Amino acid sequence: MRETRNFLLDGKKNMENGKSRIYNALKKTYVRLIKIRGQPNEIALGFAMGIFIGMSPTVGLQMAIAAFFAVLFKWNKVSAIIGVWISNPITIPFIYSFTYFFGAKLLGITAKADNLSGGLDASTVYNMLSKAPEILWAMFVGGILIGLPLSLVGYYFCHSAVRKYQADIKDKLIRQKEKLVKKREARKTMKKKKKKKKVGTSKTCRTKNEKAS
């Protein structure tokens, strides 16, 4: 009983650690995204394009493709590469399953799993390879179908987040400048008061000396 309980507790801890790691990774990515220097529109366009390319079955080439098109269209390259990471080792199985399903539905392809009970012989491998273009085409079509609305949402999300962060930074800088101006004015007034005191004391000393003489 103790071993089972300890096993369950260890499993719960591992799940919590995994969730915290994912949360921390997402938080770091979000902070890195909003801190990119540049125009919010260019950053958001790069991010949206990255999401769109991330939905395509081009694993291993996605970042290079996103960077190329970002340079071509003069959008933000860093945000494009961040957007590509919508497809990662955790999400790829789900994304490619959905893109293939929707693409196959749209193209009228019936998805049938190959029967591998007889082993992976030459005919089975040939059959799988012969269907590869059809599968890739379905995934491309599905990726476009899902990628367009996702990239649109990503654009507005990124644009509002970056604009808000930049506006907050500007407000912070304005407040800091106002504080510095107030400090300088306070120092100037203090200096003026000290000068007036010195002048007043010197005048009183003169009047006293004149009276004494």
Protein backbone atom coordinates (compact mmCIF):
# COMPACT_ATOMS: atom_id res chain seq x y z
CA MET A 1 0.00 0.00 0.00
CA ARG A 2 2.82 2.41 0.89
CA GLU A 3 4.61 1.68 -2.39
CA THR A 4 1.42 2.36 -4.38
CA ARG A 5 0.82 5.57 -2.45
CA ASN A 6 4.39 6.74 -3.00
CA PHE A 7 4.13 5.86 -6.70
CA LEU A 8 0.94 7.93 -7.03
CA LEU A 9 2.48 10.85 -5.14
CA ASP A 10 5.58 10.75 -7.37
CA GLY A 11 3.36 10.70 -10.44
CA LYS A 12 1.41 13.70 -9.16
CA LYS A 13 4.64 15.62 -8.45
CA ASN A 14 5.98 14.83 -11.92
CA MET A 15 2.75 16.07 -13.50
CA GLU A 16 2.91 19.29 -11.48
CA ASN A 17 6.56 19.78 -12.42
CA GLY A 18 5.71 19.20 -16.08
CA LYS A 19 2.87 21.74 -15.94
CA SER A 20 5.10 24.33 -14.26
CA ARG A 21 7.81 23.79 -16.88
CA ILE A 22 5.31 24.27 -19.72
CA TYR A 23 3.89 27.36 -18.01
CA ASN A 24 7.36 28.85 -17.47
CA ALA A 25 8.32 28.13 -21.09
CA LEU A 26 5.14 29.80 -22.39
CA LYS A 27 5.67 32.78 -20.08
CA LYS A 28 9.28 33.24 -21.25
CA THR A 29 8.17 33.02 -24.89
CA TYR A 30 5.42 35.59 -24.31
CA VAL A 31 7.80 38.00 -22.56
CA ARG A 32 10.37 37.58 -25.32
CA LEU A 33 7.68 38.25 -27.93
CA ILE A 34 6.35 41.48 -26.42
CA LYS A 35 9.89 42.79 -25.77
CA ILE A 36 10.88 42.61 -29.45
CA ARG A 37 11.88 46.03 -30.72
CA GLY A 38 10.04 47.34 -33.75
CA GLN A 39 6.66 48.39 -35.02
CA PRO A 40 3.74 46.39 -33.52
CA ASN A 41 2.30 45.80 -37.00
CA GLU A 42 5.53 44.29 -38.36
CA ILE A 43 6.00 42.13 -35.25
CA ALA A 44 2.40 40.90 -35.39
CA LEU A 45 2.61 40.15 -39.13
CA GLY A 46 5.78 38.13 -38.59
CA PHE A 47 4.18 36.22 -35.70
CA ALA A 48 1.03 35.47 -37.74
CA MET A 49 3.10 34.24 -40.67
CA GLY A 50 5.12 32.03 -38.32
CA ILE A 51 1.93 30.42 -37.02
CA PHE A 52 0.69 29.86 -40.58
CA ILE A 53 3.97 28.18 -41.61
CA GLY A 54 3.99 26.20 -38.35
CA MET A 55 0.75 24.52 -39.43
CA SER A 56 2.37 23.19 -42.62
CA PRO A 57 4.04 19.74 -42.79
CA THR A 58 7.53 21.19 -43.25
CA VAL A 59 9.20 20.13 -40.00
CA GLY A 60 12.90 20.96 -39.97
CA LEU A 61 12.47 23.73 -42.54
CA GLN A 62 9.79 25.84 -40.85
CA MET A 63 12.14 28.33 -39.17
CA ALA A 64 14.18 28.81 -42.33
CA ILE A 65 11.02 29.35 -44.40
CA ALA A 66 9.62 31.81 -41.84
CA ALA A 67 12.88 33.77 -41.67
CA PHE A 68 13.11 33.90 -45.50
CA PHE A 69 9.57 35.25 -45.96
CA ALA A 70 9.99 37.68 -43.03
CA VAL A 71 13.05 39.19 -44.73
CA LEU A 72 11.25 39.15 -48.10
CA PHE A 73 8.17 41.01 -46.81
CA LYS A 74 10.22 43.15 -44.37
CA TRP A 75 8.37 41.78 -41.34
CA ASN A 76 9.92 40.87 -38.01
CA LYS A 77 12.12 37.79 -38.28
CA VAL A 78 12.29 36.99 -34.56
CA SER A 79 8.52 37.03 -34.08
CA ALA A 80 8.12 34.83 -37.18
CA ILE A 81 10.46 32.22 -35.70
CA ILE A 82 8.60 32.39 -32.36
CA GLY A 83 5.28 31.89 -34.18
CA VAL A 84 6.64 28.76 -35.91
CA TRP A 85 7.01 27.12 -32.50
CA ILE A 86 3.25 26.56 -32.36
CA SER A 87 4.35 23.22 -33.82
CA ASN A 88 6.71 21.61 -31.33
CA PRO A 89 7.41 18.04 -30.18
CA ILE A 90 4.35 18.20 -27.88
CA THR A 91 1.84 19.69 -30.33
CA ILE A 92 3.00 18.17 -33.65
CA PRO A 93 1.06 14.87 -33.32
CA PHE A 94 -2.18 16.78 -32.63
CA ILE A 95 -1.60 19.45 -35.30
CA TYR A 96 -0.73 16.99 -38.06
CA SER A 97 -3.64 14.73 -37.14
CA PHE A 98 -6.06 17.66 -37.40
CA THR A 99 -4.55 19.08 -40.59
CA TYR A 100 -4.64 15.68 -42.30
CA PHE A 101 -8.20 15.02 -41.12
CA PHE A 102 -9.56 18.37 -42.37
CA GLY A 103 -7.52 18.23 -45.59
CA ALA A 104 -8.66 14.69 -46.34
CA LYS A 105 -12.29 15.67 -45.68
CA LEU A 106 -12.01 18.66 -48.00
CA LEU A 107 -10.32 16.68 -50.78
CA GLY A 108 -12.60 13.66 -50.35
CA ILE A 109 -9.76 11.33 -49.36
CA THR A 110 -10.75 8.36 -47.21
CA ALA A 111 -8.12 7.81 -44.54
CA LYS A 112 -7.46 4.10 -44.09
CA ALA A 113 -4.76 2.74 -41.81
CA ASP A 114 -2.50 0.14 -43.34
CA ASN A 115 -2.71 -3.31 -41.83
CA LEU A 116 0.73 -4.01 -40.41
CA SER A 117 -0.19 -7.27 -38.67
CA GLY A 118 1.60 -9.21 -41.40
CA GLY A 119 4.82 -7.29 -40.83
CA LEU A 120 6.57 -4.44 -42.57
CA ASP A 121 7.37 -6.12 -45.89
CA ALA A 122 8.39 -4.50 -49.19
CA SER A 123 4.84 -4.26 -50.54
CA THR A 124 3.60 -2.51 -47.38
CA VAL A 125 6.47 0.00 -47.48
CA TYR A 126 5.82 0.65 -51.20
CA ASN A 127 2.11 1.15 -50.51
CA MET A 128 2.89 3.67 -47.73
CA LEU A 129 5.37 5.57 -49.90
CA SER A 130 2.97 5.68 -52.83
CA LYS A 131 0.39 7.35 -50.56
CA ALA A 132 2.92 9.89 -49.20
CA PRO A 133 2.16 12.65 -51.77
CA GLU A 134 -1.56 12.26 -51.14
CA ILE A 135 -1.03 12.48 -47.36
CA LEU A 136 1.26 15.52 -47.66
CA TRP A 137 -1.18 17.28 -49.99
CA ALA A 138 -4.03 16.66 -47.51
CA MET A 139 -1.86 18.01 -44.67
CA PHE A 140 -0.96 21.12 -46.69
CA VAL A 141 -4.61 21.83 -47.49
CA GLY A 142 -5.63 21.18 -43.88
CA GLY A 143 -2.78 23.36 -42.66
CA ILE A 144 -4.00 26.25 -44.82
CA LEU A 145 -7.58 25.68 -43.66
CA ILE A 146 -6.64 25.74 -39.95
CA GLY A 147 -3.64 28.07 -40.26
CA LEU A 148 -5.53 31.05 -41.73
CA PRO A 149 -7.91 31.65 -38.78
CA LEU A 150 -5.18 30.81 -36.26
CA SER A 151 -2.75 33.28 -37.83
CA LEU A 152 -5.48 35.94 -37.86
CA VAL A 153 -6.09 35.42 -34.13
CA GLY A 154 -2.31 35.39 -33.55
CA TYR A 155 -1.93 38.71 -35.38
CA TYR A 156 -4.50 40.54 -33.25
CA PHE A 157 -3.23 38.92 -30.03
CA CYS A 158 0.41 39.83 -30.77
CA HIS A 159 -0.42 43.34 -32.01
CA SER A 160 -2.44 44.23 -28.89
CA ALA A 161 0.11 42.67 -26.50
CA VAL A 162 3.13 44.40 -28.10
CA ARG A 163 1.32 47.74 -28.39
CA LYS A 164 0.25 47.57 -24.73
CA TYR A 165 3.77 46.72 -23.57
CA GLN A 166 5.32 49.52 -25.64
CA ALA A 167 2.70 52.00 -24.38
CA ASP A 168 3.42 50.96 -20.77
CA ILE A 169 7.15 51.44 -21.34
CA LYS A 170 6.55 54.91 -22.83
CA ASP A 171 4.33 55.89 -19.89
CA LYS A 172 6.99 54.63 -17.48
CA LEU A 173 9.69 56.68 -19.22
CA ILE A 174 7.46 59.78 -19.21
CA ARG A 175 6.83 59.37 -15.47
CA GLN A 176 10.56 58.95 -14.83
CA LYS A 177 11.30 62.12 -16.84
CA GLU A 178 8.63 64.02 -14.92
CA LYS A 179 10.18 62.90 -11.64
CA LEU A 180 13.62 64.04 -12.80
CA VAL A 181 12.21 67.42 -13.87
CA LYS A 182 10.50 67.84 -10.50
CA LYS A 183 13.73 66.97 -8.68
CA ARG A 184 15.67 69.49 -10.75
CA GLU A 185 13.06 72.18 -10.11
CA ALA A 186 13.13 71.38 -6.39
CA ARG A 187 16.93 71.68 -6.37
CA LYS A 188 16.72 75.02 -8.22
CA THR A 189 14.17 76.38 -5.73
CA MET A 190 16.33 75.20 -2.84
CA LYS A 191 19.36 76.96 -4.33
CA LYS A 192 17.33 80.15 -4.85
CA LYS A 193 16.12 80.05 -1.24
CA LYS A 194 19.68 79.57 0.00
CA LYS A 195 20.86 82.53 -2.09
CA LYS A 196 18.04 84.69 -0.74
CA LYS A 197 18.95 83.71 2.82
CA LYS A 198 22.60 84.56 2.18
CA VAL A 199 21.64 87.94 0.68
CA GLY A 200 19.29 88.62 3.60
CA THR A 201 21.88 87.75 6.22
CA SER A 202 24.53 89.87 4.47
CA LYS A 203 22.11 92.86 4.36
CA THR A 204 21.28 92.52 8.05
CA CYS A 205 24.98 92.35 8.90
CA ARG A 206 25.61 95.53 6.89
CA THR A 207 22.80 97.41 8.57
CA LYS A 208 24.07 96.34 11.99
CA ASN A 209 27.60 97.46 11.14
CA GLU A 210 26.32 100.80 9.84
CA LYS A 211 24.30 101.36 13.01
CA ALA A 212 27.27 100.45 15.17
CA SER A 213 29.52 102.85 13.32
